[in-house]
Amino acid sequence: MKTQKNQIWNYNHDIDLEKCGEGVERKILAYTDEMMCVENHFKKGAVGAFHSHPHTQITYVVSGQFEFEINGEKKIVNAGDSMLKKDGIVHGCVCLQEGILLDIFTPMRDEFVS
């Protein structure tokens, strides 16, 4: 199942994983025009390619370990850590230990649902 915009109840076990890269899958958990919550599943060694977008993004590490580079600065993050990426900031990551990242975007990412 795919989540619909403005859907109030969104049960994780009902939402399909979508492949979005080698070793990376995502679930769009909930969204409105103003905000979006996305769960990203990474296999060890998977890469979140460098990119930027016109959305402010907060990433919370649910599980695993990742090396992130944000605006030219590299750090290793673990479960419980979070990062803020303002709109237009170049960022990417490498998964060091299989895990899940939870992303919150504002506004929502149109290209994820079109």
C-alpha atoms as a PDB file:
ATOM      1  CA  MET A   1       0.000   0.000   0.000  1.00  0.00           C
ATOM      2  CA  LYS A   2       1.067   3.592  -0.635  1.00  0.00           C
ATOM      3  CA  THR A   3       0.349   6.324   1.864  1.00  0.00           C
ATOM      4  CA  GLN A   4      -1.994   9.062   0.666  1.00  0.00           C
ATOM      5  CA  LYS A   5      -1.592  12.777   1.334  1.00  0.00           C
ATOM      6  CA  ASN A   6      -3.370  13.904   4.522  1.00  0.00           C
ATOM      7  CA  GLN A   7      -4.014  10.279   5.576  1.00  0.00           C
ATOM      8  CA  ILE A   8      -4.433  10.299   9.357  1.00  0.00           C
ATOM      9  CA  TRP A   9      -3.725   6.674  10.307  1.00  0.00           C
ATOM     10  CA  ASN A  10      -0.640   5.110   8.719  1.00  0.00           C
ATOM     11  CA  TYR A  11       0.351   1.643   9.909  1.00  0.00           C
ATOM     12  CA  ASN A  12       3.981   0.799   9.138  1.00  0.00           C
ATOM     13  CA  HIS A  13       3.269  -2.888   8.434  1.00  0.00           C
ATOM     14  CA  ASP A  14       0.779  -1.873   5.691  1.00  0.00           C
ATOM     15  CA  ILE A  15       3.150   0.475   3.832  1.00  0.00           C
ATOM     16  CA  ASP A  16       5.188  -0.962   0.972  1.00  0.00           C
ATOM     17  CA  LEU A  17       8.952  -0.438   0.745  1.00  0.00           C
ATOM     18  CA  GLU A  18      10.036   1.291  -2.474  1.00  0.00           C
ATOM     19  CA  LYS A  19      13.498   0.700  -3.914  1.00  0.00           C
ATOM     20  CA  CYS A  20      15.271   4.023  -4.342  1.00  0.00           C
ATOM     21  CA  GLY A  21      18.888   2.944  -4.788  1.00  0.00           C
ATOM     22  CA  GLU A  22      21.225  -0.037  -4.494  1.00  0.00           C
ATOM     23  CA  GLY A  23      20.674  -1.326  -0.946  1.00  0.00           C
ATOM     24  CA  VAL A  24      18.272   1.509  -0.080  1.00  0.00           C
ATOM     25  CA  GLU A  25      14.487   1.304   0.287  1.00  0.00           C
ATOM     26  CA  ARG A  26      12.007   3.813   1.670  1.00  0.00           C
ATOM     27  CA  LYS A  27       8.531   4.047   3.125  1.00  0.00           C
ATOM     28  CA  ILE A  28       6.598   7.287   2.958  1.00  0.00           C
ATOM     29  CA  LEU A  29       4.949   7.204   6.376  1.00  0.00           C
ATOM     30  CA  ALA A  30       2.795  10.348   6.325  1.00  0.00           C
ATOM     31  CA  TYR A  31       2.627  13.695   4.544  1.00  0.00           C
ATOM     32  CA  THR A  32       0.797  16.916   3.876  1.00  0.00           C
ATOM     33  CA  ASP A  33       1.776  19.753   1.554  1.00  0.00           C
ATOM     34  CA  GLU A  34       3.743  21.295   4.419  1.00  0.00           C
ATOM     35  CA  MET A  35       5.608  18.248   5.820  1.00  0.00           C
ATOM     36  CA  MET A  36       6.665  14.663   5.067  1.00  0.00           C
ATOM     37  CA  CYS A  37       7.945  11.757   7.194  1.00  0.00           C
ATOM     38  CA  VAL A  38       9.997   9.073   5.406  1.00  0.00           C
ATOM     39  CA  GLU A  39      11.645   5.892   6.722  1.00  0.00           C
ATOM     40  CA  ASN A  40      14.811   4.843   4.824  1.00  0.00           C
ATOM     41  CA  HIS A  41      16.203   1.290   5.140  1.00  0.00           C
ATOM     42  CA  PHE A  42      19.919   0.904   4.329  1.00  0.00           C
ATOM     43  CA  LYS A  43      21.961  -2.266   3.837  1.00  0.00           C
ATOM     44  CA  LYS A  44      25.590  -2.162   4.965  1.00  0.00           C
ATOM     45  CA  GLY A  45      27.693  -0.388   2.334  1.00  0.00           C
ATOM     46  CA  ALA A  46      24.717   1.316   0.677  1.00  0.00           C
ATOM     47  CA  VAL A  47      25.255   4.918  -0.364  1.00  0.00           C
ATOM     48  CA  GLY A  48      22.932   7.884  -0.097  1.00  0.00           C
ATOM     49  CA  ALA A  49      24.388   9.843  -3.038  1.00  0.00           C
ATOM     50  CA  PHE A  50      25.391  13.485  -2.606  1.00  0.00           C
ATOM     51  CA  HIS A  51      22.506  15.796  -3.398  1.00  0.00           C
ATOM     52  CA  SER A  52      20.701  18.942  -2.302  1.00  0.00           C
ATOM     53  CA  HIS A  53      17.079  20.035  -2.477  1.00  0.00           C
ATOM     54  CA  PRO A  54      14.914  23.047  -1.643  1.00  0.00           C
ATOM     55  CA  HIS A  55      13.570  21.409   1.528  1.00  0.00           C
ATOM     56  CA  THR A  56      14.725  21.639   5.119  1.00  0.00           C
ATOM     57  CA  GLN A  57      15.373  18.102   6.404  1.00  0.00           C
ATOM     58  CA  ILE A  58      15.889  16.575   9.813  1.00  0.00           C
ATOM     59  CA  THR A  59      17.294  13.037   9.870  1.00  0.00           C
ATOM     60  CA  TYR A  60      17.018  10.830  12.958  1.00  0.00           C
ATOM     61  CA  VAL A  61      19.080   7.625  13.141  1.00  0.00           C
ATOM     62  CA  VAL A  62      16.671   4.889  14.268  1.00  0.00           C
ATOM     63  CA  SER A  63      19.255   2.108  14.033  1.00  0.00           C
ATOM     64  CA  GLY A  64      22.629   1.303  12.498  1.00  0.00           C
ATOM     65  CA  GLN A  65      25.686   3.451  11.919  1.00  0.00           C
ATOM     66  CA  PHE A  66      26.296   5.934   9.098  1.00  0.00           C
ATOM     67  CA  GLU A  67      29.039   8.228   7.888  1.00  0.00           C
ATOM     68  CA  PHE A  68      27.382  11.477   6.808  1.00  0.00           C
ATOM     69  CA  GLU A  69      28.887  14.355   4.934  1.00  0.00           C
ATOM     70  CA  ILE A  70      26.931  17.590   5.256  1.00  0.00           C
ATOM     71  CA  ASN A  71      28.169  20.783   3.638  1.00  0.00           C
ATOM     72  CA  GLY A  72      31.704  19.334   3.384  1.00  0.00           C
ATOM     73  CA  GLU A  73      31.924  18.086   6.989  1.00  0.00           C
ATOM     74  CA  LYS A  74      32.068  14.312   7.719  1.00  0.00           C
ATOM     75  CA  LYS A  75      30.856  12.674  10.943  1.00  0.00           C
ATOM     76  CA  ILE A  76      29.855   9.192  12.064  1.00  0.00           C
ATOM     77  CA  VAL A  77      26.367   8.959  13.567  1.00  0.00           C
ATOM     78  CA  ASN A  78      24.614   6.180  15.480  1.00  0.00           C
ATOM     79  CA  ALA A  79      21.126   5.309  16.762  1.00  0.00           C
ATOM     80  CA  GLY A  80      19.628   8.283  18.583  1.00  0.00           C
ATOM     81  CA  ASP A  81      21.670  10.922  16.731  1.00  0.00           C
ATOM     82  CA  SER A  82      20.065  13.502  14.459  1.00  0.00           C
ATOM     83  CA  MET A  83      21.129  15.998  11.814  1.00  0.00           C
ATOM     84  CA  LEU A  84      19.669  19.215  10.424  1.00  0.00           C
ATOM     85  CA  LYS A  85      20.085  19.939   6.730  1.00  0.00           C
ATOM     86  CA  LYS A  86      18.803  23.354   5.657  1.00  0.00           C
ATOM     87  CA  ASP A  87      17.487  23.755   2.126  1.00  0.00           C
ATOM     88  CA  GLY A  88      20.190  23.796  -0.535  1.00  0.00           C
ATOM     89  CA  ILE A  89      22.873  22.102   1.622  1.00  0.00           C
ATOM     90  CA  VAL A  90      24.786  19.297  -0.146  1.00  0.00           C
ATOM     91  CA  HIS A  91      24.689  16.033   1.826  1.00  0.00           C
ATOM     92  CA  GLY A  92      25.092  12.277   1.470  1.00  0.00           C
ATOM     93  CA  CYS A  93      25.960   9.190   3.490  1.00  0.00           C
ATOM     94  CA  VAL A  94      27.434   5.693   3.550  1.00  0.00           C
ATOM     95  CA  CYS A  95      25.852   2.994   5.702  1.00  0.00           C
ATOM     96  CA  LEU A  96      28.506   1.441   7.969  1.00  0.00           C
ATOM     97  CA  GLN A  97      26.100  -0.908   9.819  1.00  0.00           C
ATOM     98  CA  GLU A  98      22.684  -1.838   8.413  1.00  0.00           C
ATOM     99  CA  GLY A  99      20.080   0.556   9.723  1.00  0.00           C
ATOM    100  CA  ILE A 100      17.120   2.869   9.367  1.00  0.00           C
ATOM    101  CA  LEU A 101      17.000   6.648   9.009  1.00  0.00           C
ATOM    102  CA  LEU A 102      13.851   8.667   9.653  1.00  0.00           C
ATOM    103  CA  ASP A 103      13.622  11.856   7.574  1.00  0.00           C
ATOM    104  CA  ILE A 104      11.294  14.788   8.144  1.00  0.00           C
ATOM    105  CA  PHE A 105      11.006  17.256   5.250  1.00  0.00           C
ATOM    106  CA  THR A 106       9.393  20.639   4.985  1.00  0.00           C
ATOM    107  CA  PRO A 107       7.749  21.185   2.621  1.00  0.00           C
ATOM    108  CA  MET A 108       6.907  17.675   1.404  1.00  0.00           C
ATOM    109  CA  ARG A 109       8.916  16.078  -1.443  1.00  0.00           C
ATOM    110  CA  ASP A 110       6.584  16.065  -4.474  1.00  0.00           C
ATOM    111  CA  GLU A 111       8.979  13.865  -6.466  1.00  0.00           C
ATOM    112  CA  PHE A 112       8.643  11.060  -3.893  1.00  0.00           C
ATOM    113  CA  VAL A 113       4.940  10.608  -4.651  1.00  0.00           C
ATOM    114  CA  SER A 114       4.683  11.495  -8.363  1.00  0.00           C
END
